N, C-alpha and C. Protein backbone atom coordinates (compact mmCIF):
# COMPACT_ATOMS: atom_id res chain seq x y z
N MET A 1 152.20 -186.28 70.14
CA MET A 1 150.92 -186.34 69.75
C MET A 1 150.21 -185.14 70.16
N ARG A 2 150.86 -184.34 71.59
CA ARG A 2 150.59 -182.57 71.60
C ARG A 2 150.40 -181.93 70.79
N LEU A 3 151.60 -181.98 69.81
CA LEU A 3 151.73 -181.48 68.88
C LEU A 3 150.59 -181.41 67.36
N VAL A 4 150.27 -182.87 67.63
CA VAL A 4 149.38 -183.21 66.22
C VAL A 4 147.92 -182.66 67.25
N ALA A 5 147.37 -182.41 68.13
CA ALA A 5 146.22 -181.53 68.95
C ALA A 5 146.24 -180.27 68.42
N ILE A 6 147.31 -179.26 68.51
CA ILE A 6 147.44 -178.09 68.66
C ILE A 6 147.45 -177.81 67.11
N LEU A 7 148.35 -178.35 66.08
CA LEU A 7 148.19 -178.19 65.14
C LEU A 7 146.28 -178.42 64.44
N MET A 8 145.92 -179.59 64.91
CA MET A 8 144.31 -179.90 64.33
C MET A 8 143.61 -178.56 64.51
N LEU A 9 144.04 -178.19 66.33
CA LEU A 9 143.26 -177.06 66.86
C LEU A 9 143.35 -175.88 66.21
N LEU A 10 144.11 -175.19 65.67
CA LEU A 10 144.50 -174.56 64.95
C LEU A 10 144.05 -174.53 63.42
N GLY A 11 144.08 -175.47 62.72
CA GLY A 11 143.81 -175.71 61.43
C GLY A 11 144.51 -175.85 60.52
N LEU A 12 145.89 -175.95 61.37
CA LEU A 12 147.02 -176.30 60.06
C LEU A 12 147.32 -177.35 59.51
N PRO A 13 147.82 -177.75 58.86
CA PRO A 13 148.13 -179.21 58.14
C PRO A 13 148.60 -180.19 58.65
N LEU A 14 148.25 -181.40 58.80
CA LEU A 14 148.99 -182.20 59.48
C LEU A 14 149.36 -183.27 57.99
N SER A 15 150.97 -183.31 58.52
CA SER A 15 151.98 -184.13 57.15
C SER A 15 151.30 -183.49 55.68
N GLY A 16 151.61 -182.14 55.60
CA GLY A 16 151.37 -181.76 54.74
C GLY A 16 150.42 -181.41 53.93
N MET A 17 148.82 -182.02 54.32
CA MET A 17 148.16 -182.18 54.03
C MET A 17 147.19 -181.34 54.89
N ALA A 18 146.00 -180.62 54.93
CA ALA A 18 144.93 -180.27 55.56
C ALA A 18 143.68 -181.44 55.88
N GLU A 19 143.37 -181.18 56.64
CA GLU A 19 142.42 -182.69 57.06
C GLU A 19 141.02 -181.86 56.90
N GLU A 20 140.50 -182.15 56.36
CA GLU A 20 138.57 -181.85 56.51
C GLU A 20 138.22 -181.65 57.75
N VAL A 21 137.42 -180.58 58.32
CA VAL A 21 136.75 -180.39 59.56
C VAL A 21 135.50 -180.54 59.71
N SER A 22 134.57 -180.68 60.49
CA SER A 22 133.33 -181.08 59.98
C SER A 22 132.81 -180.19 61.38
N PRO A 23 131.50 -179.29 61.37
CA PRO A 23 130.64 -179.04 62.65
C PRO A 23 130.30 -180.36 63.33
N GLY A 24 130.00 -180.50 64.38
CA GLY A 24 129.19 -181.50 64.68
C GLY A 24 127.87 -180.98 65.32
N LYS A 25 126.95 -181.69 65.22
CA LYS A 25 125.38 -180.98 66.10
C LYS A 25 125.40 -180.80 67.36
N GLY A 26 126.54 -181.69 68.40
CA GLY A 26 126.72 -181.46 69.49
C GLY A 26 127.62 -182.43 70.07
N ALA A 27 127.39 -182.73 71.45
CA ALA A 27 128.71 -183.61 71.58
C ALA A 27 128.21 -184.52 72.64
N VAL A 28 128.52 -185.97 72.87
CA VAL A 28 128.28 -186.92 73.97
C VAL A 28 129.39 -186.11 75.19
N ILE A 29 129.31 -186.12 76.46
CA ILE A 29 130.14 -186.21 77.18
C ILE A 29 130.26 -186.72 78.26
N ARG A 30 131.20 -187.39 79.50
CA ARG A 30 131.12 -188.44 80.36
C ARG A 30 131.64 -187.71 81.35
N THR A 31 130.87 -187.76 82.56
CA THR A 31 130.96 -186.97 83.38
C THR A 31 131.19 -187.97 85.10
N LEU A 32 132.14 -187.59 85.76
CA LEU A 32 132.53 -188.76 86.45
C LEU A 32 132.35 -187.77 88.28
N ASP A 33 131.34 -187.90 89.26
CA ASP A 33 131.22 -188.00 90.33
C ASP A 33 132.53 -188.17 91.47
N LYS A 34 133.34 -187.77 91.78
CA LYS A 34 134.61 -188.42 92.66
C LYS A 34 134.32 -189.22 93.59
N ILE A 35 133.27 -188.40 94.67
CA ILE A 35 132.88 -188.25 95.59
C ILE A 35 131.95 -190.12 95.87
N ASN A 36 130.71 -189.92 95.08
CA ASN A 36 129.78 -191.11 95.08
C ASN A 36 130.13 -192.25 93.98
N GLY A 37 131.32 -191.97 92.62
CA GLY A 37 131.78 -192.65 91.92
C GLY A 37 130.61 -192.85 90.68
N MET A 38 130.04 -192.13 90.41
CA MET A 38 128.81 -191.96 90.02
C MET A 38 129.36 -191.41 88.29
N VAL A 39 128.98 -192.39 87.53
CA VAL A 39 129.11 -192.04 85.78
C VAL A 39 128.00 -192.07 85.20
N GLU A 40 128.48 -190.63 84.21
CA GLU A 40 127.17 -190.65 83.32
C GLU A 40 127.61 -190.35 81.86
N ASP A 41 127.21 -190.52 81.25
CA ASP A 41 126.88 -190.10 79.23
C ASP A 41 125.62 -189.25 79.10
N ILE A 42 126.32 -188.16 78.85
CA ILE A 42 125.52 -186.88 78.51
C ILE A 42 125.06 -186.49 76.85
N GLU A 43 124.36 -186.38 76.11
CA GLU A 43 124.33 -185.99 75.09
C GLU A 43 124.28 -184.58 75.01
N LEU A 44 124.70 -183.47 74.19
CA LEU A 44 124.14 -181.96 74.58
C LEU A 44 124.36 -181.74 73.00
N ALA A 45 123.93 -180.40 72.69
CA ALA A 45 123.41 -179.91 71.77
C ALA A 45 124.72 -178.21 71.49
N ASN A 46 124.92 -178.03 70.64
CA ASN A 46 125.45 -177.12 70.46
C ASN A 46 124.83 -175.62 71.18
N ARG A 47 125.74 -175.17 71.91
CA ARG A 47 125.01 -174.31 73.07
C ARG A 47 124.10 -174.29 74.08
N GLU A 48 124.04 -175.81 74.40
CA GLU A 48 123.27 -176.60 75.50
C GLU A 48 123.93 -176.79 76.65
N ALA A 49 123.11 -176.37 77.97
CA ALA A 49 124.26 -176.40 79.36
C ALA A 49 123.33 -177.69 79.90
N VAL A 50 123.82 -178.07 81.07
CA VAL A 50 123.42 -179.19 81.95
C VAL A 50 123.81 -179.09 83.49
N GLU A 51 123.51 -179.32 83.95
CA GLU A 51 123.86 -179.11 85.30
C GLU A 51 124.42 -180.18 86.27
N ILE A 52 125.38 -180.27 86.49
CA ILE A 52 125.57 -181.92 87.42
C ILE A 52 125.71 -181.84 88.74
N GLY A 53 125.36 -181.79 89.53
CA GLY A 53 125.76 -181.74 90.90
C GLY A 53 125.85 -180.19 91.14
N ARG A 54 126.87 -179.48 91.95
CA ARG A 54 127.30 -178.45 91.72
C ARG A 54 127.99 -177.82 90.64
N ILE A 55 127.94 -178.11 89.59
CA ILE A 55 128.64 -177.33 88.23
C ILE A 55 127.57 -178.14 86.88
N LYS A 56 127.88 -176.84 86.27
CA LYS A 56 127.10 -176.73 84.96
C LYS A 56 128.41 -176.64 84.23
N VAL A 57 127.85 -177.37 82.95
CA VAL A 57 128.60 -177.65 81.87
C VAL A 57 127.80 -177.09 80.50
N THR A 58 128.77 -176.45 79.69
CA THR A 58 128.27 -175.52 78.79
C THR A 58 128.65 -175.78 77.34
N LEU A 59 128.47 -176.34 76.64
CA LEU A 59 128.81 -176.85 74.91
C LEU A 59 128.96 -175.95 74.09
N GLY A 60 130.04 -175.31 73.63
CA GLY A 60 129.77 -174.04 72.73
C GLY A 60 129.68 -174.82 71.14
N GLU A 61 130.66 -175.78 71.28
CA GLU A 61 130.60 -176.48 69.78
C GLU A 61 131.37 -177.24 69.90
N CYS A 62 131.19 -178.67 68.91
CA CYS A 62 131.83 -179.75 68.98
C CYS A 62 132.90 -179.36 67.45
N ARG A 63 133.64 -180.11 67.12
CA ARG A 63 133.91 -180.32 65.90
C ARG A 63 134.81 -181.67 65.33
N PHE A 64 134.72 -181.91 64.31
CA PHE A 64 135.58 -183.40 64.22
C PHE A 64 136.10 -183.69 62.93
N PRO A 65 137.14 -184.33 62.47
CA PRO A 65 137.97 -184.28 60.94
C PRO A 65 136.56 -185.47 60.60
N VAL A 66 136.68 -184.98 59.08
CA VAL A 66 135.89 -186.25 58.14
C VAL A 66 136.00 -187.36 58.11
N GLY A 67 137.48 -187.78 58.19
CA GLY A 67 137.55 -189.19 58.07
C GLY A 67 137.89 -189.97 59.44
N ASN A 68 137.18 -189.28 60.80
CA ASN A 68 137.29 -189.80 62.22
C ASN A 68 136.31 -189.18 62.68
N PRO A 69 135.43 -188.87 62.78
CA PRO A 69 134.62 -188.03 63.80
C PRO A 69 134.70 -188.73 65.26
N ALA A 70 134.52 -190.17 65.35
CA ALA A 70 134.57 -190.33 67.01
C ALA A 70 136.21 -189.95 67.73
N GLY A 71 137.26 -190.68 66.69
CA GLY A 71 138.39 -190.48 68.02
C GLY A 71 138.72 -189.03 67.93
N ASP A 72 139.06 -188.40 67.02
CA ASP A 72 139.45 -186.91 66.86
C ASP A 72 138.54 -185.92 67.32
N ALA A 73 137.25 -186.45 67.68
CA ALA A 73 136.34 -185.02 67.84
C ALA A 73 136.54 -183.84 68.80
N TYR A 74 136.91 -182.93 68.93
CA TYR A 74 137.25 -181.88 69.82
C TYR A 74 136.02 -180.99 70.04
N ALA A 75 135.98 -180.76 71.39
CA ALA A 75 134.72 -179.60 71.93
C ALA A 75 135.39 -178.48 72.88
N PHE A 76 134.30 -177.50 72.43
CA PHE A 76 134.65 -175.96 73.75
C PHE A 76 133.77 -176.45 74.32
N LEU A 77 134.26 -176.72 75.78
CA LEU A 77 133.38 -176.79 76.89
C LEU A 77 133.70 -175.51 78.20
N THR A 78 132.90 -175.12 78.58
CA THR A 78 132.95 -174.14 79.48
C THR A 78 132.15 -174.86 80.78
N VAL A 79 133.05 -174.92 82.18
CA VAL A 79 132.34 -175.43 83.31
C VAL A 79 132.26 -174.81 84.25
N THR A 80 130.79 -174.32 84.89
CA THR A 80 130.80 -173.06 86.13
C THR A 80 130.57 -174.13 87.48
N GLU A 81 130.81 -173.61 88.40
CA GLU A 81 130.71 -174.30 89.81
C GLU A 81 129.88 -173.19 90.49
N GLU A 82 128.89 -173.50 91.29
CA GLU A 82 128.00 -172.65 92.11
C GLU A 82 129.08 -172.17 93.03
N GLY A 83 128.74 -170.80 93.39
CA GLY A 83 129.58 -169.95 94.30
C GLY A 83 131.08 -169.77 93.88
N ARG A 84 131.37 -170.10 92.52
CA ARG A 84 132.77 -169.13 92.49
C ARG A 84 132.17 -168.05 90.92
N ASP A 85 132.98 -167.15 91.19
CA ASP A 85 133.24 -166.26 90.06
C ASP A 85 133.66 -166.53 88.64
N SER A 86 134.82 -167.49 88.29
CA SER A 86 135.49 -167.41 87.47
C SER A 86 134.85 -169.31 87.16
N PRO A 87 134.95 -169.50 85.96
CA PRO A 87 134.94 -170.46 85.47
C PRO A 87 135.77 -171.89 85.80
N VAL A 88 135.57 -172.94 86.20
CA VAL A 88 136.49 -173.83 87.02
C VAL A 88 137.18 -174.66 85.70
N PHE A 89 136.64 -174.47 84.21
CA PHE A 89 137.23 -174.95 83.43
C PHE A 89 136.78 -174.18 81.81
N ILE A 90 137.55 -173.52 81.03
CA ILE A 90 136.91 -173.09 79.88
C ILE A 90 138.24 -173.48 78.30
N GLY A 91 137.57 -174.01 77.71
CA GLY A 91 138.76 -174.45 76.48
C GLY A 91 138.25 -175.55 75.70
N TRP A 92 138.83 -176.52 74.83
CA TRP A 92 138.81 -176.93 74.17
C TRP A 92 139.12 -178.46 74.90
N MET A 93 138.40 -179.57 75.11
CA MET A 93 138.93 -180.82 75.19
C MET A 93 138.68 -181.72 73.92
N ILE A 94 139.88 -182.55 73.62
CA ILE A 94 139.92 -183.65 72.67
C ILE A 94 139.52 -185.02 72.74
N ALA A 95 138.91 -185.54 72.52
CA ALA A 95 138.34 -187.01 72.60
C ALA A 95 139.60 -187.79 73.23
N SER A 96 139.93 -187.70 71.58
CA SER A 96 141.11 -189.20 71.95
C SER A 96 142.68 -188.66 72.49
N SER A 97 142.41 -187.56 73.23
CA SER A 97 143.49 -187.52 73.84
C SER A 97 143.36 -186.31 75.70
N PRO A 98 142.02 -186.58 76.18
CA PRO A 98 141.53 -186.26 77.46
C PRO A 98 142.68 -185.56 78.36
N ALA A 99 143.22 -186.01 78.52
CA ALA A 99 144.60 -185.85 79.45
C ALA A 99 144.97 -184.07 78.70
N LEU A 100 145.41 -184.04 77.62
CA LEU A 100 145.90 -183.02 76.90
C LEU A 100 145.61 -181.86 77.42
N SER A 101 143.80 -181.24 77.81
CA SER A 101 143.45 -180.16 77.93
C SER A 101 142.42 -180.65 79.03
N ALA A 102 142.57 -180.71 80.16
CA ALA A 102 142.11 -181.81 81.53
C ALA A 102 141.46 -180.81 82.30
N MET A 103 140.45 -181.12 82.91
CA MET A 103 139.66 -180.05 84.04
C MET A 103 140.08 -180.53 85.20
N ASP A 104 140.73 -179.59 86.19
CA ASP A 104 141.18 -180.04 87.37
C ASP A 104 140.13 -179.46 88.14
N HIS A 105 139.42 -180.26 88.78
CA HIS A 105 138.68 -180.09 90.28
C HIS A 105 138.76 -181.64 91.14
N PRO A 106 138.49 -180.72 92.43
CA PRO A 106 138.43 -182.19 93.21
C PRO A 106 137.50 -183.02 93.24
N ARG A 107 136.17 -182.80 92.87
CA ARG A 107 135.01 -183.66 92.74
C ARG A 107 134.66 -184.08 91.55
N TYR A 108 134.68 -183.27 90.75
CA TYR A 108 134.17 -183.99 89.16
C TYR A 108 135.12 -183.97 88.30
N ASP A 109 135.21 -184.84 87.24
CA ASP A 109 135.37 -185.11 86.46
C ASP A 109 134.91 -184.95 84.66
N VAL A 110 135.03 -183.79 83.85
CA VAL A 110 134.47 -184.22 82.30
C VAL A 110 135.58 -184.44 81.18
N TRP A 111 135.02 -184.70 80.23
CA TRP A 111 135.65 -185.30 79.36
C TRP A 111 134.69 -185.37 78.04
N VAL A 112 135.03 -185.20 76.77
CA VAL A 112 134.46 -185.38 75.61
C VAL A 112 135.02 -187.23 75.28
N LEU A 113 133.67 -187.35 74.36
CA LEU A 113 133.45 -188.91 74.05
C LEU A 113 133.39 -189.00 72.54
N ARG A 114 132.49 -188.10 71.86
CA ARG A 114 132.66 -187.75 70.69
C ARG A 114 131.45 -187.07 70.17
N CYS A 115 131.58 -186.41 69.03
CA CYS A 115 130.72 -185.76 68.44
C CYS A 115 129.31 -186.32 67.98
N ILE A 116 128.16 -185.49 67.85
CA ILE A 116 127.00 -185.97 67.75
C ILE A 116 126.96 -185.54 65.90
N THR A 117 126.81 -186.65 65.21
CA THR A 117 126.95 -185.87 63.50
C THR A 117 126.03 -186.32 62.74
N GLU A 118 125.04 -186.60 63.28
CA GLU A 118 123.62 -186.69 62.76
C GLU A 118 122.70 -186.05 63.11
């Protein structure tokens, strides 16, 4: 599964055929505050940011294979935290494999659910 995700991110062919990728207009992300158990689904447009407690999540862009926009969506996220100079997370998250590129934070979890396609 990890190889498929890496090939997809690099735009390389899967099973001998390249899968057509389309940009989304944004993404739906899910956040979890591990302290109080609050779960929230948030819609973000590309290049939009939202503050959740002490973190700020910025969506660079969301992309999806034309044949499977929900399950194989992937989004470029930057997560920063108050009082820290460097980002907590910066990179691509894949909806179908959230553990592949997970954010490691003691209080918050963030993951991608799907791209906004319309």
